[in-house]
């Protein structure tokens, strides 16, 4: 039996709303980056556990074979070990993809800051009210 337990949702979901203000977008990108960082760590732990289970299952198959039990059980247990090993490799690939998403999220946050940070500073520090973007598009 596996000792994996469901998480209580440690990473708060990033809301998908229409709030596209500078600070809101920066906050969303930050939350996404942190959630994906957590996912990378959890996927690595899952991969290690799956790999250990595959190794253990191979040992169980050897024990079944040494006990002179039905070869069908040896074959089935070896198939489980191979499937666990394959799944562990796919989790490794998923973890690599999640790592790329983390890097791209941080890059996007920096680019967004470079493009719109100064504009937000100007708009946020004005005393006089100015029209919002899109006001004149009507």
Protein backbone atom coordinates (compact mmCIF):
# COMPACT_ATOMS: atom_id res chain seq x y z
CA UNK A 1 0.00 0.00 0.00
CA UNK A 2 1.26 3.42 -0.87
CA UNK A 3 1.91 6.03 1.79
CA UNK A 4 1.02 8.89 -0.57
CA UNK A 5 -1.67 11.11 0.85
CA UNK A 6 -3.67 13.80 -0.94
CA UNK A 7 -2.47 17.34 -0.37
CA UNK A 8 -4.82 19.83 1.19
CA UNK A 9 -4.13 22.28 -1.61
CA UNK A 10 -1.01 24.01 -0.31
CA UNK A 11 -0.73 26.15 -3.43
CA UNK A 12 -3.61 28.56 -3.76
CA UNK A 13 -5.12 28.52 -7.23
CA UNK A 14 -4.38 31.54 -9.34
CA UNK A 15 -7.65 33.31 -10.10
CA UNK A 16 -8.51 33.70 -13.76
CA UNK A 17 -10.37 36.98 -13.74
CA UNK A 18 -10.41 40.06 -15.93
CA UNK A 19 -8.24 42.12 -13.57
CA UNK A 20 -5.36 43.12 -15.81
CA UNK A 21 -3.92 45.92 -13.73
CA UNK A 22 -0.13 45.88 -13.48
CA UNK A 23 0.06 44.86 -9.83
CA UNK A 24 -2.65 42.22 -10.25
CA UNK A 25 -0.81 40.63 -13.18
CA UNK A 26 2.46 40.67 -11.23
CA UNK A 27 0.71 38.99 -8.28
CA UNK A 28 -0.85 36.33 -10.53
CA UNK A 29 2.50 35.59 -12.16
CA UNK A 30 4.14 35.35 -8.73
CA UNK A 31 1.47 32.92 -7.47
CA UNK A 32 1.77 30.83 -10.63
CA UNK A 33 5.55 30.65 -10.27
CA UNK A 34 5.31 29.57 -6.64
CA UNK A 35 2.63 26.96 -7.39
CA UNK A 36 4.73 25.51 -10.20
CA UNK A 37 7.84 25.50 -7.98
CA UNK A 38 5.88 23.44 -5.46
CA UNK A 39 4.68 21.14 -8.24
CA UNK A 40 8.26 20.52 -9.40
CA UNK A 41 9.27 19.48 -5.88
CA UNK A 42 6.23 17.23 -5.46
CA UNK A 43 6.83 15.60 -8.84
CA UNK A 44 10.44 14.86 -7.94
CA UNK A 45 9.34 13.24 -4.67
CA UNK A 46 6.75 11.20 -6.57
CA UNK A 47 9.37 10.09 -9.10
CA UNK A 48 11.73 8.94 -6.34
CA UNK A 49 8.93 7.01 -4.62
CA UNK A 50 7.85 5.36 -7.87
CA UNK A 51 11.40 4.38 -8.69
CA UNK A 52 11.87 2.90 -5.20
CA UNK A 53 8.58 1.00 -5.55
CA UNK A 54 9.70 -0.36 -8.93
CA UNK A 55 12.96 -1.58 -7.41
CA UNK A 56 11.12 -3.13 -4.48
CA UNK A 57 8.63 -4.80 -6.81
CA UNK A 58 11.48 -6.34 -8.79
CA UNK A 59 12.79 -7.79 -5.52
CA UNK A 60 9.34 -9.16 -4.73
CA UNK A 61 9.23 -10.81 -8.16
CA UNK A 62 12.60 -12.45 -7.42
CA UNK A 63 11.29 -13.64 -4.06
CA UNK A 64 8.21 -15.13 -5.72
CA UNK A 65 10.43 -16.87 -8.27
CA UNK A 66 12.72 -18.24 -5.53
CA UNK A 67 9.68 -19.56 -3.65
CA UNK A 68 8.80 -21.70 -6.70
CA UNK A 69 5.34 -20.19 -7.03
CA UNK A 70 3.37 -19.99 -10.23
CA UNK A 71 5.44 -18.26 -12.97
CA UNK A 72 2.35 -16.23 -13.83
CA UNK A 73 2.79 -14.31 -10.58
CA UNK A 74 6.46 -13.69 -11.33
CA UNK A 75 5.55 -12.40 -14.80
CA UNK A 76 2.75 -10.18 -13.47
CA UNK A 77 4.95 -8.73 -10.72
CA UNK A 78 7.74 -8.00 -13.18
CA UNK A 79 5.22 -6.26 -15.44
CA UNK A 80 4.18 -4.06 -12.51
CA UNK A 81 7.84 -3.20 -11.86
CA UNK A 82 8.37 -2.28 -15.51
CA UNK A 83 5.18 -0.18 -15.52
CA UNK A 84 6.28 1.66 -12.37
CA UNK A 85 9.70 2.34 -13.89
CA UNK A 86 8.09 3.68 -17.07
CA UNK A 87 5.69 5.84 -15.08
CA UNK A 88 8.62 7.20 -13.06
CA UNK A 89 10.32 8.24 -16.31
CA UNK A 90 7.16 10.01 -17.48
CA UNK A 91 6.90 11.82 -14.14
CA UNK A 92 10.52 12.92 -14.64
CA UNK A 93 9.55 14.35 -18.06
CA UNK A 94 6.54 16.08 -16.52
CA UNK A 95 8.78 17.56 -13.83
CA UNK A 96 11.14 18.89 -16.49
CA UNK A 97 8.22 20.49 -18.30
CA UNK A 98 6.98 22.02 -15.05
CA UNK A 99 10.48 23.40 -14.48
CA UNK A 100 10.38 25.03 -17.90
CA UNK A 101 7.03 26.60 -17.03
CA UNK A 102 8.57 28.00 -13.83
CA UNK A 103 11.43 29.55 -15.80
CA UNK A 104 9.07 31.00 -18.39
CA UNK A 105 6.81 32.41 -15.67
CA UNK A 106 9.72 34.22 -14.02
CA UNK A 107 10.89 35.49 -17.41
CA UNK A 108 7.38 36.72 -18.23
CA UNK A 109 7.14 38.51 -14.89
CA UNK A 110 10.47 40.28 -15.51
CA UNK A 111 9.47 41.25 -19.06
CA UNK A 112 6.07 42.51 -17.90
CA UNK A 113 7.78 44.56 -15.21
CA UNK A 114 10.25 46.02 -17.69
CA UNK A 115 7.52 46.94 -20.16
CA UNK A 116 4.84 48.27 -17.82
CA UNK A 117 6.47 48.96 -14.44
CA UNK A 118 7.45 52.56 -15.20
CA UNK A 119 4.02 53.30 -16.67
CA UNK A 120 2.36 51.94 -13.54
CA UNK A 121 4.60 54.11 -11.35
CA UNK A 122 3.64 57.21 -13.30
CA UNK A 123 -0.08 56.41 -13.28
CA UNK A 124 -0.10 55.40 -9.60
CA UNK A 125 1.68 58.51 -8.36
CA UNK A 126 -0.37 61.16 -10.18
CA UNK A 127 -2.60 63.45 -8.17
CA UNK A 128 -4.87 64.30 -11.06
CA UNK A 129 -7.26 61.69 -12.36
CA UNK A 130 -6.50 60.52 -15.87
CA UNK A 131 -8.61 58.44 -18.21
CA UNK A 132 -8.12 54.71 -17.99
CA UNK A 133 -6.72 52.87 -21.00
CA UNK A 134 -9.45 52.29 -23.54
CA UNK A 135 -11.50 55.30 -22.42
CA UNK A 136 -11.27 56.97 -25.81
CA UNK A 137 -12.01 53.77 -27.76
CA UNK A 138 -15.78 54.19 -27.35
